[in-house]
Amino acid sequence: MVDRIGKGGPPPPTTTGAERPKETGKTFDVSQTTQAPAARPVDPTMTVGPLEQLKAGKIDFNQYVDLKVQEATSHLEAMSPSQIDSIRSMLRDRMATDPELVDLVKQATGHAPSVPEE
C-alpha cells in the first residue's frame, strides 16, 4: 500500500481480482490483413534546406540567397509584381552584403561568397 500521508481525496479503489475479458467467439486471423500502401519516393531537394544544399555544393551562394528571398517573400503574392520585385531586390542586396551571412557561408563552404556585379 502506498503511504497517503498528506494526500487529499479518497483512497484508491481496491479490486478483488482481475476480471476476465469477454469472449467474442472470433479468432485472430493474420491472413485477412491488407497490405499497406507503398510509400511515395522522397524528393531529396524538398527534405534538404538551402543551407545544407549550399554546404553540399549543390547550389552556389547566389542560388542560396535567391531561395531565402523567395522563402521570405512568398506570403506577399497579394501585392503587385512590381512591388514584390522591388522588395525582393532590396532584400537580396541586403542579404548578399550581410556580414553574418558572409561568415556563415565561409564556415559552410570554406570560402567567401562572390557577389555578381550588376
PDB file of N, CA and C in Angstrom:
ATOM      1  N   MET A   1       0.846  -1.174   0.000  1.00  0.00           N
ATOM      2  CA  MET A   1       0.000   0.000   0.000  1.00  0.00           C
ATOM      3  C   MET A   1       0.892   1.238   0.000  1.00  0.00           C
ATOM      4  N   VAL A   2       0.480   2.238  -0.712  1.00  0.00           N
ATOM      5  CA  VAL A   2       1.233   3.474  -0.828  1.00  0.00           C
ATOM      6  C   VAL A   2       0.857   4.384   0.335  1.00  0.00           C
ATOM      7  N   ASP A   3       1.850   5.023   0.920  1.00  0.00           N
ATOM      8  CA  ASP A   3       1.623   5.942   2.023  1.00  0.00           C
ATOM      9  C   ASP A   3       0.844   7.149   1.523  1.00  0.00           C
ATOM     10  N   ARG A   4      -0.316   7.440   2.079  1.00  0.00           N
ATOM     11  CA  ARG A   4      -1.166   8.533   1.614  1.00  0.00           C
ATOM     12  C   ARG A   4      -1.122   9.714   2.577  1.00  0.00           C
ATOM     13  N   ILE A   5      -0.093   9.832   3.390  1.00  0.00           N
ATOM     14  CA  ILE A   5       0.017  10.931   4.341  1.00  0.00           C
ATOM     15  C   ILE A   5       0.125  12.239   3.572  1.00  0.00           C
ATOM     16  N   GLY A   6      -0.728  13.166   3.918  1.00  0.00           N
ATOM     17  CA  GLY A   6      -0.703  14.476   3.283  1.00  0.00           C
ATOM     18  C   GLY A   6      -1.389  14.527   1.936  1.00  0.00           C
ATOM     19  N   LYS A   7      -1.974  13.452   1.502  1.00  0.00           N
ATOM     20  CA  LYS A   7      -2.653  13.405   0.211  1.00  0.00           C
ATOM     21  C   LYS A   7      -4.138  13.594   0.456  1.00  0.00           C
ATOM     22  N   GLY A   8      -4.759  14.412  -0.357  1.00  0.00           N
ATOM     23  CA  GLY A   8      -6.196  14.628  -0.232  1.00  0.00           C
ATOM     24  C   GLY A   8      -6.963  13.623  -1.054  1.00  0.00           C
ATOM     25  N   GLY A   9      -8.248  13.536  -0.801  1.00  0.00           N
ATOM     26  CA  GLY A   9      -9.106  12.677  -1.599  1.00  0.00           C
ATOM     27  C   GLY A   9      -9.228  11.289  -1.014  1.00  0.00           C
ATOM     28  N   PRO A  10     -10.140  10.553  -1.583  1.00  0.00           N
ATOM     29  CA  PRO A  10     -10.382   9.199  -1.072  1.00  0.00           C
ATOM     30  C   PRO A  10      -9.246   8.253  -1.472  1.00  0.00           C
ATOM     31  N   PRO A  11      -9.121   7.158  -0.763  1.00  0.00           N
ATOM     32  CA  PRO A  11      -8.080   6.188  -1.120  1.00  0.00           C
ATOM     33  C   PRO A  11      -8.415   5.521  -2.454  1.00  0.00           C
ATOM     34  N   PRO A  12      -7.423   4.987  -3.139  1.00  0.00           N
ATOM     35  CA  PRO A  12      -7.674   4.342  -4.437  1.00  0.00           C
ATOM     36  C   PRO A  12      -8.560   3.110  -4.250  1.00  0.00           C
ATOM     37  N   PRO A  13      -9.371   2.805  -5.256  1.00  0.00           N
ATOM     38  CA  PRO A  13     -10.254   1.644  -5.131  1.00  0.00           C
ATOM     39  C   PRO A  13      -9.445   0.350  -5.093  1.00  0.00           C
ATOM     40  N   THR A  14      -9.986  -0.596  -4.391  1.00  0.00           N
ATOM     41  CA  THR A  14      -9.334  -1.896  -4.331  1.00  0.00           C
ATOM     42  C   THR A  14     -10.098  -2.858  -5.216  1.00  0.00           C
ATOM     43  N   THR A  15      -9.389  -3.794  -5.813  1.00  0.00           N
ATOM     44  CA  THR A  15     -10.036  -4.789  -6.664  1.00  0.00           C
ATOM     45  C   THR A  15      -9.924  -6.141  -5.988  1.00  0.00           C
ATOM     46  N   THR A  16     -10.909  -6.947  -6.242  1.00  0.00           N
ATOM     47  CA  THR A  16     -10.914  -8.272  -5.627  1.00  0.00           C
ATOM     48  C   THR A  16     -10.220  -9.286  -6.501  1.00  0.00           C
ATOM     49  N   GLY A  17      -9.919  -8.914  -7.725  1.00  0.00           N
ATOM     50  CA  GLY A  17      -9.256  -9.831  -8.645  1.00  0.00           C
ATOM     51  C   GLY A  17      -9.410  -9.304 -10.058  1.00  0.00           C
ATOM     52  N   ALA A  18      -8.584  -9.764 -10.932  1.00  0.00           N
ATOM     53  CA  ALA A  18      -8.652  -9.310 -12.312  1.00  0.00           C
ATOM     54  C   ALA A  18      -9.873  -9.902 -12.992  1.00  0.00           C
ATOM     55  N   GLU A  19     -10.571  -9.040 -13.738  1.00  0.00           N
ATOM     56  CA  GLU A  19     -11.734  -9.536 -14.470  1.00  0.00           C
ATOM     57  C   GLU A  19     -11.271 -10.214 -15.745  1.00  0.00           C
ATOM     58  N   ARG A  20     -11.964 -11.239 -16.131  1.00  0.00           N
ATOM     59  CA  ARG A  20     -11.634 -11.979 -17.349  1.00  0.00           C
ATOM     60  C   ARG A  20     -12.255 -11.232 -18.533  1.00  0.00           C
ATOM     61  N   PRO A  21     -11.501 -11.038 -19.629  1.00  0.00           N
ATOM     62  CA  PRO A  21     -12.058 -10.358 -20.796  1.00  0.00           C
ATOM     63  C   PRO A  21     -13.214 -11.163 -21.387  1.00  0.00           C
ATOM     64  N   LYS A  22     -14.142 -10.424 -21.967  1.00  0.00           N
ATOM     65  CA  LYS A  22     -15.298 -11.077 -22.579  1.00  0.00           C
ATOM     66  C   LYS A  22     -14.861 -11.772 -23.857  1.00  0.00           C
ATOM     67  N   GLU A  23     -15.408 -12.929 -24.083  1.00  0.00           N
ATOM     68  CA  GLU A  23     -15.080 -13.679 -25.300  1.00  0.00           C
ATOM     69  C   GLU A  23     -16.084 -13.313 -26.382  1.00  0.00           C
ATOM     70  N   THR A  24     -15.569 -13.082 -27.607  1.00  0.00           N
ATOM     71  CA  THR A  24     -16.438 -12.717 -28.721  1.00  0.00           C
ATOM     72  C   THR A  24     -16.721 -13.902 -29.624  1.00  0.00           C
ATOM     73  N   GLY A  25     -15.968 -14.950 -29.492  1.00  0.00           N
ATOM     74  CA  GLY A  25     -16.144 -16.098 -30.363  1.00  0.00           C
ATOM     75  C   GLY A  25     -15.323 -15.992 -31.641  1.00  0.00           C
ATOM     76  N   LYS A  26     -14.712 -14.819 -31.890  1.00  0.00           N
ATOM     77  CA  LYS A  26     -13.889 -14.630 -33.083  1.00  0.00           C
ATOM     78  C   LYS A  26     -12.445 -14.986 -32.758  1.00  0.00           C
ATOM     79  N   THR A  27     -11.766 -15.533 -33.743  1.00  0.00           N
ATOM     80  CA  THR A  27     -10.355 -15.840 -33.562  1.00  0.00           C
ATOM     81  C   THR A  27      -9.517 -14.819 -34.307  1.00  0.00           C
ATOM     82  N   PHE A  28      -8.314 -14.665 -33.880  1.00  0.00           N
ATOM     83  CA  PHE A  28      -7.384 -13.732 -34.517  1.00  0.00           C
ATOM     84  C   PHE A  28      -6.818 -14.383 -35.769  1.00  0.00           C
ATOM     85  N   ASP A  29      -6.988 -13.705 -36.930  1.00  0.00           N
ATOM     86  CA  ASP A  29      -6.532 -14.275 -38.195  1.00  0.00           C
ATOM     87  C   ASP A  29      -5.648 -13.272 -38.911  1.00  0.00           C
ATOM     88  N   VAL A  30      -4.398 -13.607 -39.084  1.00  0.00           N
ATOM     89  CA  VAL A  30      -3.439 -12.720 -39.722  1.00  0.00           C
ATOM     90  C   VAL A  30      -3.627 -12.685 -41.231  1.00  0.00           C
ATOM     91  N   SER A  31      -4.159 -13.710 -41.823  1.00  0.00           N
ATOM     92  CA  SER A  31      -4.273 -13.776 -43.285  1.00  0.00           C
ATOM     93  C   SER A  31      -5.254 -12.758 -43.844  1.00  0.00           C
ATOM     94  N   GLN A  32      -6.080 -12.154 -43.030  1.00  0.00           N
ATOM     95  CA  GLN A  32      -7.072 -11.201 -43.519  1.00  0.00           C
ATOM     96  C   GLN A  32      -6.567  -9.763 -43.501  1.00  0.00           C
ATOM     97  N   THR A  33      -5.300  -9.559 -43.235  1.00  0.00           N
ATOM     98  CA  THR A  33      -4.777  -8.190 -43.192  1.00  0.00           C
ATOM     99  C   THR A  33      -4.611  -7.650 -44.600  1.00  0.00           C
ATOM    100  N   THR A  34      -4.663  -6.344 -44.720  1.00  0.00           N
ATOM    101  CA  THR A  34      -4.443  -5.702 -46.016  1.00  0.00           C
ATOM    102  C   THR A  34      -3.024  -5.155 -46.044  1.00  0.00           C
ATOM    103  N   GLN A  35      -2.492  -5.050 -47.229  1.00  0.00           N
ATOM    104  CA  GLN A  35      -1.130  -4.562 -47.380  1.00  0.00           C
ATOM    105  C   GLN A  35      -1.137  -3.035 -47.324  1.00  0.00           C
ATOM    106  N   ALA A  36      -0.167  -2.471 -46.651  1.00  0.00           N
ATOM    107  CA  ALA A  36      -0.046  -1.018 -46.546  1.00  0.00           C
ATOM    108  C   ALA A  36       0.299  -0.442 -47.910  1.00  0.00           C
ATOM    109  N   PRO A  37      -0.200   0.770 -48.212  1.00  0.00           N
ATOM    110  CA  PRO A  37       0.141   1.380 -49.495  1.00  0.00           C
ATOM    111  C   PRO A  37       1.635   1.675 -49.575  1.00  0.00           C
ATOM    112  N   ALA A  38       2.159   1.619 -50.780  1.00  0.00           N
ATOM    113  CA  ALA A  38       3.590   1.876 -50.979  1.00  0.00           C
ATOM    114  C   ALA A  38       3.905   3.324 -50.644  1.00  0.00           C
ATOM    115  N   ALA A  39       5.046   3.538 -50.045  1.00  0.00           N
ATOM    116  CA  ALA A  39       5.466   4.890 -49.689  1.00  0.00           C
ATOM    117  C   ALA A  39       5.861   5.649 -50.946  1.00  0.00           C
ATOM    118  N   ARG A  40       5.540   6.951 -50.929  1.00  0.00           N
ATOM    119  CA  ARG A  40       5.930   7.793 -52.055  1.00  0.00           C
ATOM    120  C   ARG A  40       7.430   8.035 -52.010  1.00  0.00           C
ATOM    121  N   PRO A  41       8.085   8.109 -53.164  1.00  0.00           N
ATOM    122  CA  PRO A  41       9.517   8.390 -53.158  1.00  0.00           C
ATOM    123  C   PRO A  41       9.771   9.793 -52.605  1.00  0.00           C
ATOM    124  N   VAL A  42      10.865   9.941 -51.899  1.00  0.00           N
ATOM    125  CA  VAL A  42      11.206  11.215 -51.285  1.00  0.00           C
ATOM    126  C   VAL A  42      12.077  12.010 -52.243  1.00  0.00           C
ATOM    127  N   ASP A  43      11.705  13.268 -52.444  1.00  0.00           N
ATOM    128  CA  ASP A  43      12.493  14.167 -53.277  1.00  0.00           C
ATOM    129  C   ASP A  43      13.567  14.791 -52.381  1.00  0.00           C
ATOM    130  N   PRO A  44      14.844  14.481 -52.597  1.00  0.00           N
ATOM    131  CA  PRO A  44      15.885  14.979 -51.699  1.00  0.00           C
ATOM    132  C   PRO A  44      15.977  16.497 -51.664  1.00  0.00           C
ATOM    133  N   THR A  45      15.588  17.188 -52.722  1.00  0.00           N
ATOM    134  CA  THR A  45      15.667  18.645 -52.707  1.00  0.00           C
ATOM    135  C   THR A  45      14.599  19.250 -51.813  1.00  0.00           C
ATOM    136  N   MET A  46      13.547  18.493 -51.526  1.00  0.00           N
ATOM    137  CA  MET A  46      12.479  19.003 -50.673  1.00  0.00           C
ATOM    138  C   MET A  46      12.782  18.768 -49.193  1.00  0.00           C
ATOM    139  N   THR A  47      13.598  17.797 -48.880  1.00  0.00           N
ATOM    140  CA  THR A  47      13.883  17.490 -47.484  1.00  0.00           C
ATOM    141  C   THR A  47      15.153  18.165 -46.991  1.00  0.00           C
ATOM    142  N   VAL A  48      15.947  18.693 -47.879  1.00  0.00           N
ATOM    143  CA  VAL A  48      17.195  19.329 -47.508  1.00  0.00           C
ATOM    144  C   VAL A  48      17.026  20.834 -47.686  1.00  0.00           C
ATOM    145  N   GLY A  49      17.341  21.560 -46.639  1.00  0.00           N
ATOM    146  CA  GLY A  49      17.203  23.008 -46.680  1.00  0.00           C
ATOM    147  C   GLY A  49      18.272  23.666 -47.534  1.00  0.00           C
ATOM    148  N   PRO A  50      18.075  24.959 -47.826  1.00  0.00           N
ATOM    149  CA  PRO A  50      19.049  25.683 -48.650  1.00  0.00           C
ATOM    150  C   PRO A  50      20.460  25.683 -48.077  1.00  0.00           C
ATOM    151  N   LEU A  51      20.598  25.797 -46.760  1.00  0.00           N
ATOM    152  CA  LEU A  51      21.940  25.823 -46.177  1.00  0.00           C
ATOM    153  C   LEU A  51      22.648  24.483 -46.375  1.00  0.00           C
ATOM    154  N   GLU A  52      21.911  23.393 -46.200  1.00  0.00           N
ATOM    155  CA  GLU A  52      22.501  22.077 -46.411  1.00  0.00           C
ATOM    156  C   GLU A  52      22.893  21.881 -47.877  1.00  0.00           C
ATOM    157  N   GLN A  53      22.064  22.399 -48.792  1.00  0.00           N
ATOM    158  CA  GLN A  53      22.396  22.307 -50.215  1.00  0.00           C
ATOM    159  C   GLN A  53      23.648  23.120 -50.529  1.00  0.00           C
ATOM    160  N   LEU A  54      23.769  24.293 -49.895  1.00  0.00           N
ATOM    161  CA  LEU A  54      24.947  25.132 -50.092  1.00  0.00           C
ATOM    162  C   LEU A  54      26.193  24.422 -49.565  1.00  0.00           C
ATOM    163  N   LYS A  55      26.082  23.835 -48.365  1.00  0.00           N
ATOM    164  CA  LYS A  55      27.220  23.114 -47.778  1.00  0.00           C
ATOM    165  C   LYS A  55      27.641  21.940 -48.650  1.00  0.00           C
ATOM    166  N   ALA A  56      26.647  21.268 -49.266  1.00  0.00           N
ATOM    167  CA  ALA A  56      26.947  20.102 -50.092  1.00  0.00           C
ATOM    168  C   ALA A  56      27.446  20.490 -51.481  1.00  0.00           C
ATOM    169  N   GLY A  57      27.432  21.774 -51.803  1.00  0.00           N
ATOM    170  CA  GLY A  57      27.891  22.224 -53.111  1.00  0.00           C
ATOM    171  C   GLY A  57      26.861  22.055 -54.212  1.00  0.00           C
ATOM    172  N   LYS A  58      25.613  21.765 -53.851  1.00  0.00           N
ATOM    173  CA  LYS A  58      24.568  21.584 -54.859  1.00  0.00           C
ATOM    174  C   LYS A  58      24.072  22.912 -55.417  1.00  0.00           C
ATOM    175  N   ILE A  59      24.195  23.970 -54.613  1.00  0.00           N
ATOM    176  CA  ILE A  59      23.833  25.313 -55.074  1.00  0.00           C
ATOM    177  C   ILE A  59      24.952  26.259 -54.698  1.00  0.00           C
ATOM    178  N   ASP A  60      25.027  27.388 -55.381  1.00  0.00           N
ATOM    179  CA  ASP A  60      26.037  28.381 -55.031  1.00  0.00           C
ATOM    180  C   ASP A  60      25.408  29.464 -54.144  1.00  0.00           C
ATOM    181  N   PHE A  61      26.216  30.422 -53.749  1.00  0.00           N
ATOM    182  CA  PHE A  61      25.758  31.468 -52.837  1.00  0.00           C
ATOM    183  C   PHE A  61      24.566  32.235 -53.404  1.00  0.00           C
ATOM    184  N   ASN A  62      24.630  32.577 -54.669  1.00  0.00           N
ATOM    185  CA  ASN A  62      23.548  33.359 -55.277  1.00  0.00           C
ATOM    186  C   ASN A  62      22.234  32.563 -55.302  1.00  0.00           C
ATOM    187  N   GLN A  63      22.311  31.291 -55.576  1.00  0.00           N
ATOM    188  CA  GLN A  63      21.108  30.461 -55.552  1.00  0.00           C
ATOM    189  C   GLN A  63      20.565  30.361 -54.123  1.00  0.00           C
ATOM    190  N   TYR A  64      21.479  30.285 -53.153  1.00  0.00           N
ATOM    191  CA  TYR A  64      21.074  30.245 -51.753  1.00  0.00           C
ATOM    192  C   TYR A  64      20.297  31.517 -51.397  1.00  0.00           C
ATOM    193  N   VAL A  65      20.860  32.670 -51.762  1.00  0.00           N
ATOM    194  CA  VAL A  65      20.196  33.944 -51.462  1.00  0.00           C
ATOM    195  C   VAL A  65      18.846  34.008 -52.170  1.00  0.00           C
ATOM    196  N   ASP A  66      18.785  33.570 -53.418  1.00  0.00           N
ATOM    197  CA  ASP A  66      17.519  33.575 -54.149  1.00  0.00           C
ATOM    198  C   ASP A  66      16.465  32.707 -53.452  1.00  0.00           C
ATOM    199  N   LEU A  67      16.865  31.524 -52.996  1.00  0.00           N
ATOM    200  CA  LEU A  67      15.926  30.646 -52.295  1.00  0.00           C
ATOM    201  C   LEU A  67      15.425  31.277 -51.004  1.00  0.00           C
ATOM    202  N   LYS A  68      16.323  31.892 -50.253  1.00  0.00           N
ATOM    203  CA  LYS A  68      15.931  32.506 -48.992  1.00  0.00           C
ATOM    204  C   LYS A  68      15.044  33.737 -49.223  1.00  0.00           C
ATOM    205  N   VAL A  69      15.326  34.516 -50.259  1.00  0.00           N
ATOM    206  CA  VAL A  69      14.486  35.672 -50.582  1.00  0.00           C
ATOM    207  C   VAL A  69      13.100  35.200 -50.995  1.00  0.00           C
ATOM    208  N   GLN A  70      13.033  34.166 -51.818  1.00  0.00           N
ATOM    209  CA  GLN A  70      11.744  33.615 -52.241  1.00  0.00           C
ATOM    210  C   GLN A  70      10.962  33.117 -51.025  1.00  0.00           C
ATOM    211  N   GLU A  71      11.651  32.433 -50.128  1.00  0.00           N
ATOM    212  CA  GLU A  71      11.014  31.921 -48.906  1.00  0.00           C
ATOM    213  C   GLU A  71      10.483  33.075 -48.046  1.00  0.00           C
ATOM    214  N   ALA A  72      11.271  34.135 -47.928  1.00  0.00           N
ATOM    215  CA  ALA A  72      10.894  35.260 -47.074  1.00  0.00           C
ATOM    216  C   ALA A  72       9.762  36.099 -47.656  1.00  0.00           C
ATOM    217  N   THR A  73       9.587  36.075 -48.961  1.00  0.00           N
ATOM    218  CA  THR A  73       8.570  36.927 -49.587  1.00  0.00           C
ATOM    219  C   THR A  73       7.409  36.145 -50.179  1.00  0.00           C
ATOM    220  N   SER A  74       7.348  34.860 -49.944  1.00  0.00           N
ATOM    221  CA  SER A  74       6.289  34.045 -50.558  1.00  0.00           C
ATOM    222  C   SER A  74       4.891  34.446 -50.108  1.00  0.00           C
ATOM    223  N   HIS A  75       4.772  35.043 -48.954  1.00  0.00           N
ATOM    224  CA  HIS A  75       3.461  35.454 -48.446  1.00  0.00           C
ATOM    225  C   HIS A  75       2.984  36.784 -49.025  1.00  0.00           C
ATOM    226  N   LEU A  76       3.779  37.410 -49.867  1.00  0.00           N
ATOM    227  CA  LEU A  76       3.435  38.724 -50.413  1.00  0.00           C
ATOM    228  C   LEU A  76       2.752  38.656 -51.773  1.00  0.00           C
ATOM    229  N   GLU A  77       2.250  37.506 -52.173  1.00  0.00           N
ATOM    230  CA  GLU A  77       1.685  37.316 -53.507  1.00  0.00           C
ATOM    231  C   GLU A  77       0.497  38.235 -53.799  1.00  0.00           C
ATOM    232  N   ALA A  78      -0.147  38.791 -52.777  1.00  0.00           N
ATOM    233  CA  ALA A  78      -1.291  39.681 -53.000  1.00  0.00           C
ATOM    234  C   ALA A  78      -0.855  41.058 -53.491  1.00  0.00           C
ATOM    235  N   MET A  79       0.414  41.367 -53.361  1.00  0.00           N
ATOM    236  CA  MET A  79       0.933  42.666 -53.807  1.00  0.00           C
ATOM    237  C   MET A  79       1.160  42.642 -55.317  1.00  0.00           C
ATOM    238  N   SER A  80       1.363  43.819 -55.871  1.00  0.00           N
ATOM    239  CA  SER A  80       1.619  43.901 -57.312  1.00  0.00           C
ATOM    240  C   SER A  80       3.006  43.329 -57.605  1.00  0.00           C
ATOM    241  N   PRO A  81       3.190  42.788 -58.814  1.00  0.00           N
ATOM    242  CA  PRO A  81       4.504  42.224 -59.163  1.00  0.00           C
ATOM    243  C   PRO A  81       5.654  43.223 -59.043  1.00  0.00           C
ATOM    244  N   SER A  82       5.406  44.489 -59.372  1.00  0.00           N
ATOM    245  CA  SER A  82       6.484  45.478 -59.278  1.00  0.00           C
ATOM    246  C   SER A  82       6.876  45.730 -57.824  1.00  0.00           C
ATOM    247  N   GLN A  83       5.890  45.732 -56.917  1.00  0.00           N
ATOM    248  CA  GLN A  83       6.204  45.907 -55.503  1.00  0.00           C
ATOM    249  C   GLN A  83       6.994  44.714 -54.978  1.00  0.00           C
ATOM    250  N   ILE A  84       6.570  43.522 -55.353  1.00  0.00           N
ATOM    251  CA  ILE A  84       7.272  42.311 -54.896  1.00  0.00           C
ATOM    252  C   ILE A  84       8.700  42.300 -55.424  1.00  0.00           C
ATOM    253  N   ASP A  85       8.881  42.644 -56.693  1.00  0.00           N
ATOM    254  CA  ASP A  85      10.226  42.680 -57.278  1.00  0.00           C
ATOM    255  C   ASP A  85      11.119  43.684 -56.552  1.00  0.00           C
ATOM    256  N   SER A  86      10.550  44.830 -56.212  1.00  0.00           N
ATOM    257  CA  SER A  86      11.314  45.856 -55.505  1.00  0.00           C
ATOM    258  C   SER A  86      11.737  45.358 -54.125  1.00  0.00           C
ATOM    259  N   ILE A  87      10.808  44.744 -53.410  1.00  0.00           N
ATOM    260  CA  ILE A  87      11.119  44.211 -52.077  1.00  0.00           C
ATOM    261  C   ILE A  87      12.164  43.109 -52.177  1.00  0.00           C
ATOM    262  N   ARG A  88      11.996  42.208 -53.143  1.00  0.00           N
ATOM    263  CA  ARG A  88      12.960  41.114 -53.309  1.00  0.00           C
ATOM    264  C   ARG A  88      14.346  41.627 -53.654  1.00  0.00           C
ATOM    265  N   SER A  89      14.414  42.648 -54.493  1.00  0.00           N
ATOM    266  CA  SER A  89      15.700  43.215 -54.881  1.00  0.00           C
ATOM    267  C   SER A  89      16.409  43.833 -53.676  1.00  0.00           C
ATOM    268  N   MET A  90      15.665  44.614 -52.879  1.00  0.00           N
ATOM    269  CA  MET A  90      16.265  45.232 -51.695  1.00  0.00           C
ATOM    270  C   MET A  90      16.713  44.167 -50.692  1.00  0.00           C
ATOM    271  N   LEU A  91      15.874  43.153 -50.501  1.00  0.00           N
ATOM    272  CA  LEU A  91      16.213  42.089 -49.563  1.00  0.00           C
ATOM    273  C   LEU A  91      17.427  41.299 -50.038  1.00  0.00           C
ATOM    274  N   ARG A  92      17.465  41.039 -51.334  1.00  0.00           N
ATOM    275  CA  ARG A  92      18.600  40.289 -51.890  1.00  0.00           C
ATOM    276  C   ARG A  92      19.903  41.062 -51.709  1.00  0.00           C
ATOM    277  N   ASP A  93      19.882  42.363 -51.991  1.00  0.00           N
ATOM    278  CA  ASP A  93      21.079  43.189 -51.810  1.00  0.00           C
ATOM    279  C   ASP A  93      21.515  43.198 -50.350  1.00  0.00           C
ATOM    280  N   ARG A  94      20.548  43.306 -49.464  1.00  0.00           N
ATOM    281  CA  ARG A  94      20.857  43.346 -48.030  1.00  0.00           C
ATOM    282  C   ARG A  94      21.468  42.017 -47.574  1.00  0.00           C
ATOM    283  N   MET A  95      20.878  40.900 -48.018  1.00  0.00           N
ATOM    284  CA  MET A  95      21.386  39.586 -47.625  1.00  0.00           C
ATOM    285  C   MET A  95      22.775  39.327 -48.192  1.00  0.00           C
ATOM    286  N   ALA A  96      22.997  39.718 -49.444  1.00  0.00           N
ATOM    287  CA  ALA A  96      24.272  39.435 -50.104  1.00  0.00           C
ATOM    288  C   ALA A  96      25.440  40.171 -49.452  1.00  0.00           C
ATOM    289  N   THR A  97      25.140  41.265 -48.752  1.00  0.00           N
ATOM    290  CA  THR A  97      26.214  42.037 -48.121  1.00  0.00           C
ATOM    291  C   THR A  97      26.191  41.925 -46.603  1.00  0.00           C
ATOM    292  N   ASP A  98      25.340  41.089 -46.057  1.00  0.00           N
ATOM    293  CA  ASP A  98      25.244  40.912 -44.602  1.00  0.00           C
ATOM    294  C   ASP A  98      26.488  40.184 -44.100  1.00  0.00           C
ATOM    295  N   PRO A  99      27.242  40.813 -43.193  1.00  0.00           N
ATOM    296  CA  PRO A  99      28.475  40.188 -42.699  1.00  0.00           C
ATOM    297  C   PRO A  99      28.245  38.839 -42.014  1.00  0.00           C
ATOM    298  N   GLU A 100      27.140  38.699 -41.300  1.00  0.00           N
ATOM    299  CA  GLU A 100      26.868  37.423 -40.632  1.00  0.00           C
ATOM    300  C   GLU A 100      26.618  36.315 -41.653  1.00  0.00           C
ATOM    301  N   LEU A 101      25.901  36.641 -42.720  1.00  0.00           N
ATOM    302  CA  LEU A 101      25.647  35.641 -43.757  1.00  0.00           C
ATOM    303  C   LEU A 101      26.946  35.287 -44.479  1.00  0.00           C
ATOM    304  N   VAL A 102      27.762  36.274 -44.738  1.00  0.00           N
ATOM    305  CA  VAL A 102      29.052  36.015 -45.389  1.00  0.00           C
ATOM    306  C   VAL A 102      29.894  35.087 -44.512  1.00  0.00           C
ATOM    307  N   ASP A 103      29.917  35.329 -43.192  1.00  0.00           N
ATOM    308  CA  ASP A 103      30.649  34.450 -42.273  1.00  0.00           C
ATOM    309  C   ASP A 103      30.066  33.042 -42.266  1.00  0.00           C
ATOM    310  N   LEU A 104      28.737  32.948 -42.303  1.00  0.00           N
ATOM    311  CA  LEU A 104      28.080  31.642 -42.334  1.00  0.00           C
ATOM    312  C   LEU A 104      28.474  30.869 -43.590  1.00  0.00           C
ATOM    313  N   VAL A 105      28.508  31.554 -44.718  1.00  0.00           N
ATOM    314  CA  VAL A 105      28.897  30.904 -45.976  1.00  0.00           C
ATOM    315  C   VAL A 105      30.358  30.476 -45.911  1.00  0.00           C
ATOM    316  N   LYS A 106      31.202  31.299 -45.305  1.00  0.00           N
ATOM    317  CA  LYS A 106      32.615  30.923 -45.148  1.00  0.00           C
ATOM    318  C   LYS A 106      32.750  29.644 -44.330  1.00  0.00           C
ATOM    319  N   GLN A 107      31.968  29.560 -43.236  1.00  0.00           N
ATOM    320  CA  GLN A 107      32.003  28.363 -42.402  1.00  0.00           C
ATOM    321  C   GLN A 107      31.479  27.149 -43.154  1.00  0.00           C
ATOM    322  N   ALA A 108      30.416  27.353 -43.925  1.00  0.00           N
ATOM    323  CA  ALA A 108      29.765  26.233 -44.596  1.00  0.00           C
ATOM    324  C   ALA A 108      30.567  25.725 -45.785  1.00  0.00           C
ATOM    325  N   THR A 109      31.159  26.645 -46.536  1.00  0.00           N
ATOM    326  CA  THR A 109      31.808  26.245 -47.780  1.00  0.00           C
ATOM    327  C   THR A 109      33.328  26.343 -47.750  1.00  0.00           C
ATOM    328  N   GLY A 110      33.854  27.090 -46.785  1.00  0.00           N
ATOM    329  CA  GLY A 110      35.304  27.234 -46.708  1.00  0.00           C
ATOM    330  C   GLY A 110      35.840  28.419 -47.473  1.00  0.00           C
ATOM    331  N   HIS A 111      34.995  29.152 -48.171  1.00  0.00           N
ATOM    332  CA  HIS A 111      35.445  30.350 -48.877  1.00  0.00           C
ATOM    333  C   HIS A 111      34.339  31.399 -48.894  1.00  0.00           C
ATOM    334  N   ALA A 112      34.742  32.651 -49.075  1.00  0.00           N
ATOM    335  CA  ALA A 112      33.792  33.763 -49.085  1.00  0.00           C
ATOM    336  C   ALA A 112      32.958  33.716 -50.362  1.00  0.00           C
ATOM    337  N   PRO A 113      31.700  34.122 -50.266  1.00  0.00           N
ATOM    338  CA  PRO A 113      30.855  34.123 -51.449  1.00  0.00           C
ATOM    339  C   PRO A 113      31.250  35.225 -52.415  1.00  0.00           C
ATOM    340  N   SER A 114      31.018  34.984 -53.674  1.00  0.00           N
ATOM    341  CA  SER A 114      31.249  36.020 -54.678  1.00  0.00           C
ATOM    342  C   SER A 114      29.904  36.566 -55.104  1.00  0.00           C
ATOM    343  N   VAL A 115      29.758  37.869 -55.007  1.00  0.00           N
ATOM    344  CA  VAL A 115      28.501  38.517 -55.361  1.00  0.00           C
ATOM    345  C   VAL A 115      28.625  39.007 -56.802  1.00  0.00           C
ATOM    346  N   PRO A 116      27.634  38.671 -57.653  1.00  0.00           N
ATOM    347  CA  PRO A 116      27.728  39.101 -59.051  1.00  0.00           C
ATOM    348  C   PRO A 116      27.596  40.616 -59.164  1.00  0.00           C
ATOM    349  N   GLU A 117      28.337  41.177 -60.098  1.00  0.00           N
ATOM    350  CA  GLU A 117      28.255  42.627 -60.331  1.00  0.00           C
ATOM    351  C   GLU A 117      27.133  42.878 -61.314  1.00  0.00           C
ATOM    352  N   GLU A 118      26.310  43.902 -60.988  1.00  0.00           N
ATOM    353  CA  GLU A 118      25.179  44.206 -61.875  1.00  0.00           C
ATOM    354  C   GLU A 118      25.432  45.428 -62.682  1.00  0.00           C
TER     355      GLU A 118
END
